[in-house]
């Protein structure tokens, strides 16, 4: 009895995994699939230092990622440039356009607007 049940279960799993694709869904080329995957990444900010810039992004699985220049984000996609305005990556040549970019939108806050040295910051003493 157990052997027959296992055989039936195996047949059901096999037939479900070999179902044809949905004909109402458009067939995507590899480049379209890549651009769709890149569109699922979202940039949340850039941290700049003397060593370079680091972008803070959400990947398609909604994990936080630190992205640096030269890093490979997806297969065939390498980070070309990170600055305060945009993040650019190279895509495979067969995709027609050499770059894909995320524009960094938002505004600068008071802490970002000016760089001050530690000598020029006034420290107030609590009154008491």
Protein backbone atom coordinates (compact mmCIF):
# COMPACT_ATOMS: atom_id res chain seq x y z
CA UNK A 1 0.00 0.00 0.00
CA UNK A 2 2.74 2.48 0.92
CA UNK A 3 4.62 1.67 -2.28
CA UNK A 4 1.54 2.47 -4.40
CA UNK A 5 0.92 5.72 -2.55
CA UNK A 6 4.53 6.78 -3.09
CA UNK A 7 4.27 5.97 -6.80
CA UNK A 8 1.08 8.02 -7.21
CA UNK A 9 2.59 10.95 -5.30
CA UNK A 10 5.71 10.82 -7.46
CA UNK A 11 3.61 10.85 -10.64
CA UNK A 12 1.60 13.88 -9.45
CA UNK A 13 4.73 15.86 -8.57
CA UNK A 14 6.37 14.96 -11.88
CA UNK A 15 3.32 15.98 -13.94
CA UNK A 16 2.96 19.27 -12.06
CA UNK A 17 6.58 20.21 -12.64
CA UNK A 18 6.39 19.46 -16.38
CA UNK A 19 3.36 21.65 -17.09
CA UNK A 20 3.70 23.91 -20.15
CA UNK A 21 4.24 27.63 -19.70
CA UNK A 22 1.27 29.98 -19.55
CA UNK A 23 0.56 31.03 -23.18
CA UNK A 24 -1.00 34.30 -22.00
CA UNK A 25 2.26 35.50 -20.46
CA UNK A 26 4.68 37.15 -22.91
CA UNK A 27 7.94 35.33 -23.56
CA UNK A 28 10.80 37.49 -22.25
CA UNK A 29 14.18 37.71 -23.92
CA UNK A 30 17.23 37.33 -21.64
CA UNK A 31 17.83 41.10 -21.80
CA UNK A 32 14.21 41.92 -20.93
CA UNK A 33 14.39 39.50 -18.01
CA UNK A 34 17.64 41.16 -16.85
CA UNK A 35 16.14 44.67 -17.03
CA UNK A 36 13.04 43.45 -15.19
CA UNK A 37 15.32 42.01 -12.47
CA UNK A 38 17.33 45.27 -12.24
CA UNK A 39 14.11 47.27 -11.93
CA UNK A 40 13.36 45.31 -8.74
CA UNK A 41 16.50 46.76 -7.07
CA UNK A 42 15.88 50.02 -5.20
CA UNK A 43 18.45 52.53 -4.03
CA UNK A 44 18.05 54.16 -0.63
CA UNK A 45 21.13 56.33 -0.34
CA UNK A 46 24.84 56.85 -0.88
CA UNK A 47 27.56 57.16 1.72
CA UNK A 48 30.68 58.95 0.49
CA UNK A 49 34.12 58.86 2.04
CA UNK A 50 37.74 59.37 1.03
CA UNK A 51 37.93 55.70 -0.02
CA UNK A 52 34.92 55.97 -2.35
CA UNK A 53 31.16 55.78 -2.29
CA UNK A 54 28.91 53.00 -1.04
CA UNK A 55 25.30 52.72 -2.19
CA UNK A 56 22.70 51.24 0.13
CA UNK A 57 20.17 49.20 -1.84
CA UNK A 58 17.40 46.64 -1.50
CA UNK A 59 17.89 43.61 -3.74
CA UNK A 60 14.91 41.75 -5.31
CA UNK A 61 14.65 39.51 -2.23
CA UNK A 62 14.32 42.68 -0.06
CA UNK A 63 17.72 42.20 1.59
CA UNK A 64 19.83 45.27 2.38
CA UNK A 65 23.02 45.35 0.30
CA UNK A 66 26.08 47.61 0.34
CA UNK A 67 27.13 48.21 -3.25
CA UNK A 68 30.62 49.42 -4.18
CA UNK A 69 32.27 50.33 -7.46
CA UNK A 70 33.41 47.29 -9.46
CA UNK A 71 31.04 44.93 -7.66
CA UNK A 72 28.94 42.46 -9.67
CA UNK A 73 25.26 42.87 -8.78
CA UNK A 74 23.75 40.28 -11.12
CA UNK A 75 25.26 37.93 -13.70
CA UNK A 76 26.89 40.19 -16.31
CA UNK A 77 26.04 43.41 -14.44
CA UNK A 78 28.94 45.33 -12.91
CA UNK A 79 28.85 48.63 -10.99
CA UNK A 80 30.52 51.34 -13.03
CA UNK A 81 29.95 54.53 -11.03
CA UNK A 82 28.44 55.65 -7.74
CA UNK A 83 28.01 59.32 -6.88
CA UNK A 84 25.51 61.54 -5.07
CA UNK A 85 23.22 61.79 -8.13
CA UNK A 86 23.17 58.27 -9.62
CA UNK A 87 24.40 54.70 -9.62
CA UNK A 88 25.34 53.26 -13.05
CA UNK A 89 26.02 49.65 -14.00
CA UNK A 90 27.19 48.04 -17.22
CA UNK A 91 24.99 45.43 -18.87
CA UNK A 92 25.94 42.84 -21.49
CA UNK A 93 26.58 44.30 -24.97
CA UNK A 94 23.88 42.18 -26.60
CA UNK A 95 21.20 44.07 -24.65
CA UNK A 96 21.51 47.13 -26.88
CA UNK A 97 22.12 49.75 -24.22
CA UNK A 98 25.48 49.71 -22.43
CA UNK A 99 24.30 51.20 -19.10
CA UNK A 100 21.48 50.93 -16.60
CA UNK A 101 21.17 53.65 -13.95
CA UNK A 102 19.27 54.47 -10.79
CA UNK A 103 18.73 58.15 -10.12
CA UNK A 104 19.07 59.15 -6.49
CA UNK A 105 16.15 61.37 -5.61
CA UNK A 106 15.61 63.30 -2.47
CA UNK A 107 17.05 66.30 -0.78
CA UNK A 108 20.09 67.08 1.29
CA UNK A 109 19.54 67.43 4.97
CA UNK A 110 21.32 69.89 7.23
CA UNK A 111 24.05 67.43 8.17
CA UNK A 112 24.78 66.70 4.51
CA UNK A 113 24.85 70.29 3.30
CA UNK A 114 28.06 71.37 5.01
CA UNK A 115 31.19 69.58 6.11
CA UNK A 116 32.63 70.93 9.32
CA UNK A 117 35.82 70.09 11.08
CA UNK A 118 35.76 68.98 14.69
CA UNK A 119 37.49 72.24 15.68
CA UNK A 120 34.62 74.43 14.49
CA UNK A 121 31.80 72.62 16.27
CA UNK A 122 30.61 74.40 19.37
CA UNK A 123 29.75 72.24 22.33
CA UNK A 124 27.32 73.71 24.83
CA UNK A 125 27.61 72.88 28.50
CA UNK A 126 24.39 71.94 30.33
CA UNK A 127 23.27 74.53 32.84
CA UNK A 128 22.83 73.24 36.27
